[in-house]
N, C-alpha and C. Protein backbone atom coordinates (compact mmCIF):
# COMPACT_ATOMS: atom_id res chain seq x y z
N GLY A 1 79.93 95.23 40.97
CA GLY A 1 81.45 94.74 40.74
C GLY A 1 81.68 93.84 42.40
N GLN A 2 82.85 93.17 42.14
CA GLN A 2 83.38 92.63 43.19
C GLN A 2 83.75 93.28 44.40
N ALA A 3 83.27 93.06 45.47
CA ALA A 3 84.04 93.61 46.60
C ALA A 3 84.71 92.72 47.74
N ASP A 4 85.59 93.15 48.04
CA ASP A 4 86.39 92.81 49.03
C ASP A 4 86.02 93.00 50.73
N VAL A 5 85.83 92.19 51.38
CA VAL A 5 85.36 92.17 52.82
C VAL A 5 86.18 92.24 53.58
N THR A 6 86.31 93.10 54.72
CA THR A 6 87.49 93.31 55.51
C THR A 6 86.69 93.23 56.78
N THR A 7 87.24 92.43 58.02
CA THR A 7 86.60 92.70 59.24
C THR A 7 87.47 93.34 60.31
N ASP A 8 86.96 94.38 60.83
CA ASP A 8 88.02 94.85 61.89
C ASP A 8 88.06 94.44 63.22
N ALA A 9 88.76 94.78 64.37
CA ALA A 9 88.93 94.43 65.35
C ALA A 9 87.64 94.06 66.14
N LYS A 10 86.77 94.98 65.97
CA LYS A 10 85.18 94.55 66.59
C LYS A 10 84.04 93.82 65.96
N GLY A 11 84.71 93.06 64.72
CA GLY A 11 83.73 92.18 63.91
C GLY A 11 82.89 92.88 63.13
N LYS A 12 83.02 94.24 62.95
CA LYS A 12 82.55 94.89 61.90
C LYS A 12 83.10 94.57 60.55
N GLN A 13 82.15 93.99 59.59
CA GLN A 13 82.50 94.04 58.30
C GLN A 13 82.49 95.41 57.47
N LYS A 14 83.62 95.34 56.55
CA LYS A 14 83.26 96.37 55.40
C LYS A 14 83.60 96.04 54.16
N ARG A 15 82.83 96.37 53.25
CA ARG A 15 83.03 96.17 51.83
C ARG A 15 83.80 97.10 51.18
N VAL A 16 84.95 96.87 50.32
CA VAL A 16 85.64 97.50 49.61
C VAL A 16 85.78 97.38 48.02
N TYR A 17 85.10 98.31 47.31
CA TYR A 17 84.55 97.93 45.75
C TYR A 17 86.09 98.40 45.08
N ARG A 18 86.68 97.28 44.21
CA ARG A 18 88.10 97.86 43.57
C ARG A 18 87.58 98.26 42.09
N ARG A 19 86.31 98.35 41.72
CA ARG A 19 85.81 98.48 40.44
C ARG A 19 84.32 99.18 40.36
N TYR A 20 83.84 100.46 40.03
CA TYR A 20 82.89 101.00 40.19
C TYR A 20 82.18 100.89 39.07
N LEU A 21 80.91 100.52 38.93
CA LEU A 21 80.22 100.68 37.72
C LEU A 21 78.89 101.62 37.60
N THR A 22 78.59 102.27 36.57
CA THR A 22 77.43 102.96 36.33
C THR A 22 76.34 102.46 36.31
N PRO A 23 75.03 103.11 36.57
CA PRO A 23 74.00 102.16 36.26
C PRO A 23 73.90 101.64 35.00
N TRP A 24 74.20 102.72 34.11
CA TRP A 24 74.33 102.18 32.62
C TRP A 24 75.10 100.64 32.03
N GLU A 25 76.26 100.84 32.99
CA GLU A 25 77.20 99.50 32.49
C GLU A 25 76.88 98.33 33.36
N VAL A 26 75.98 98.26 34.26
CA VAL A 26 75.37 97.07 34.72
C VAL A 26 74.19 96.75 34.09
N PHE A 27 73.27 97.86 33.55
CA PHE A 27 72.18 97.33 32.77
C PHE A 27 72.62 96.67 31.45
N VAL A 28 73.49 97.15 30.78
CA VAL A 28 74.14 96.86 29.25
C VAL A 28 74.66 95.21 29.59
N LYS A 29 75.25 94.90 30.60
CA LYS A 29 75.80 93.64 31.03
C LYS A 29 74.71 92.35 31.01
N LEU A 30 73.67 92.97 31.09
CA LEU A 30 72.41 91.99 31.66
C LEU A 30 72.07 91.06 30.39
N PRO A 31 71.91 89.68 30.45
CA PRO A 31 71.65 89.06 28.90
C PRO A 31 70.32 89.51 28.52
N ASN A 32 70.45 89.75 27.43
CA ASN A 32 69.24 90.44 26.62
C ASN A 32 68.70 92.04 27.22
N ALA A 33 69.30 92.41 27.36
CA ALA A 33 69.32 93.78 28.13
C ALA A 33 67.94 94.41 27.36
N GLY A 34 67.91 94.54 26.13
CA GLY A 34 66.89 95.18 25.31
C GLY A 34 65.73 94.78 25.39
N ARG A 35 65.44 93.54 25.92
CA ARG A 35 63.96 93.11 26.36
C ARG A 35 63.39 94.14 27.58
N TYR A 36 64.14 94.52 28.28
CA TYR A 36 63.48 95.18 29.36
C TYR A 36 63.22 96.86 28.88
N LEU A 37 63.61 97.34 27.61
CA LEU A 37 63.31 98.59 27.37
C LEU A 37 61.75 98.84 26.91
N LYS A 38 61.49 100.07 27.18
CA LYS A 38 59.93 100.32 26.67
C LYS A 38 60.07 100.06 24.97
N PRO A 39 58.88 99.89 24.59
CA PRO A 39 58.66 99.84 22.99
C PRO A 39 59.01 100.96 22.26
N GLY A 40 59.89 100.81 21.37
CA GLY A 40 60.39 101.88 20.48
C GLY A 40 61.71 102.51 21.03
N GLN A 41 62.24 101.94 22.02
CA GLN A 41 63.74 102.48 22.46
C GLN A 41 64.36 101.12 21.95
N SER A 42 65.84 101.63 22.03
CA SER A 42 67.16 100.62 21.33
C SER A 42 68.03 100.87 22.38
N LEU A 43 68.93 99.61 22.39
CA LEU A 43 70.03 99.98 23.33
C LEU A 43 70.86 100.91 22.70
N ARG A 44 71.07 100.79 21.09
CA ARG A 44 71.89 101.73 20.31
C ARG A 44 71.48 103.37 20.62
N ALA A 45 70.09 103.78 20.77
CA ALA A 45 69.94 104.81 20.63
C ALA A 45 70.23 105.45 22.44
N LEU A 46 70.01 104.49 23.51
CA LEU A 46 70.11 104.80 24.56
C LEU A 46 71.83 105.02 24.68
N LYS A 47 72.75 104.12 23.91
CA LYS A 47 74.12 104.47 24.01
C LYS A 47 74.45 105.83 23.51
N LEU A 48 73.78 106.30 22.28
CA LEU A 48 74.23 107.30 21.79
C LEU A 48 73.72 108.50 23.05
N LYS A 49 72.77 108.66 23.30
CA LYS A 49 72.54 109.23 24.48
C LYS A 49 73.26 109.52 25.86
N ALA A 50 73.68 108.15 26.04
CA ALA A 50 74.80 108.13 27.47
C ALA A 50 76.14 108.66 27.44
N GLY A 51 76.20 108.89 25.65
CA GLY A 51 77.93 109.25 25.49
C GLY A 51 77.78 110.80 25.33
N THR A 52 76.74 111.36 25.54
CA THR A 52 76.38 112.65 24.94
C THR A 52 76.83 113.69 26.26
N GLU A 53 77.00 113.05 27.05
CA GLU A 53 77.62 114.16 28.45
C GLU A 53 78.26 113.00 29.44
N SER A 54 79.31 113.62 30.17
CA SER A 54 80.04 112.79 30.89
C SER A 54 79.40 112.42 32.42
N ASP A 55 79.66 111.45 33.08
CA ASP A 55 79.17 111.05 34.29
C ASP A 55 79.02 112.14 35.31
N THR A 56 80.29 113.10 35.26
CA THR A 56 80.12 114.24 36.21
C THR A 56 79.24 115.40 35.92
N GLU A 57 78.98 115.52 34.36
CA GLU A 57 78.15 116.16 34.23
C GLU A 57 76.36 115.77 34.44
N SER A 58 76.38 114.62 34.11
CA SER A 58 74.92 114.04 34.10
C SER A 58 74.59 113.85 35.90
N ALA A 59 76.01 113.68 36.86
CA ALA A 59 75.65 113.81 38.18
C ALA A 59 75.15 115.20 38.58
N ARG A 60 75.88 116.38 38.03
CA ARG A 60 75.49 117.74 38.49
C ARG A 60 74.29 117.88 37.93
N GLN A 61 74.02 117.55 36.90
CA GLN A 61 72.35 118.04 36.42
C GLN A 61 71.29 117.25 37.57
N MET A 62 71.43 115.83 38.02
CA MET A 62 70.86 115.44 38.85
C MET A 62 70.79 116.16 40.16
N GLN A 63 71.80 116.40 40.73
CA GLN A 63 72.00 117.30 42.09
C GLN A 63 71.05 118.61 41.93
N GLU A 64 71.30 119.32 40.76
CA GLU A 64 70.47 120.59 40.37
C GLU A 64 69.05 120.40 40.68
N ALA A 65 68.42 119.13 39.80
CA ALA A 65 67.24 118.62 39.81
C ALA A 65 66.52 118.38 41.31
N LYS A 66 67.43 117.60 42.05
CA LYS A 66 67.05 117.53 43.67
C LYS A 66 66.97 118.63 44.26
N ARG A 67 67.82 119.57 44.07
CA ARG A 67 67.84 121.08 44.85
C ARG A 67 66.33 121.53 44.43
N ALA A 68 65.94 121.44 43.20
CA ALA A 68 64.99 122.39 42.68
C ALA A 68 63.37 121.48 43.23
N LEU A 69 63.62 120.24 43.32
CA LEU A 69 62.69 119.60 43.72
C LEU A 69 62.29 119.60 45.47
N PHE A 70 63.50 119.70 46.14
CA PHE A 70 63.60 119.86 47.49
C PHE A 70 63.20 121.13 47.83
N ALA A 71 63.69 122.06 47.16
CA ALA A 71 62.94 123.51 47.15
C ALA A 71 61.63 123.73 47.14
N ASP A 72 60.97 123.10 46.10
CA ASP A 72 59.67 123.21 46.15
C ASP A 72 59.11 122.42 47.23
N LEU A 73 59.58 121.03 47.45
CA LEU A 73 58.78 120.53 48.71
C LEU A 73 58.82 121.29 49.94
N ASN A 74 60.10 122.00 50.23
CA ASN A 74 60.40 122.77 51.61
C ASN A 74 60.28 124.24 51.04
N PRO A 75 59.38 124.81 50.58
CA PRO A 75 59.49 126.52 50.40
C PRO A 75 60.02 127.46 51.13
N GLY A 76 59.83 127.09 52.72
CA GLY A 76 60.57 128.09 53.76
C GLY A 76 61.92 127.97 53.72
N ARG A 77 62.47 126.74 53.61
CA ARG A 77 64.04 126.60 53.76
C ARG A 77 64.57 127.00 52.80
N LYS A 78 65.98 127.35 53.01
CA LYS A 78 67.04 127.74 52.05
C LYS A 78 67.98 126.53 51.75
N SER A 79 68.14 126.39 50.47
CA SER A 79 69.15 125.26 50.28
C SER A 79 70.48 125.52 50.15
N ALA A 80 71.53 124.69 50.81
CA ALA A 80 72.90 125.17 50.85
C ALA A 80 73.53 125.37 49.72
């Protein structure tokens, strides 16, 4: 998405995004996005899969998978 760039008194620039896009939304906007898929996959099938869960549910599952991965990598540490 487009970002507005603001500059503070010290000259530091900050980007403020007015619209957020999911990776899926960015991907399907590519010209001929289907050509980047593995053989046997289709945009239609991926769209159906993308619609089966909310962005929040998908993010929750990703966080759980990351916790499990890091627990395996650091068996002595407890996760928060």
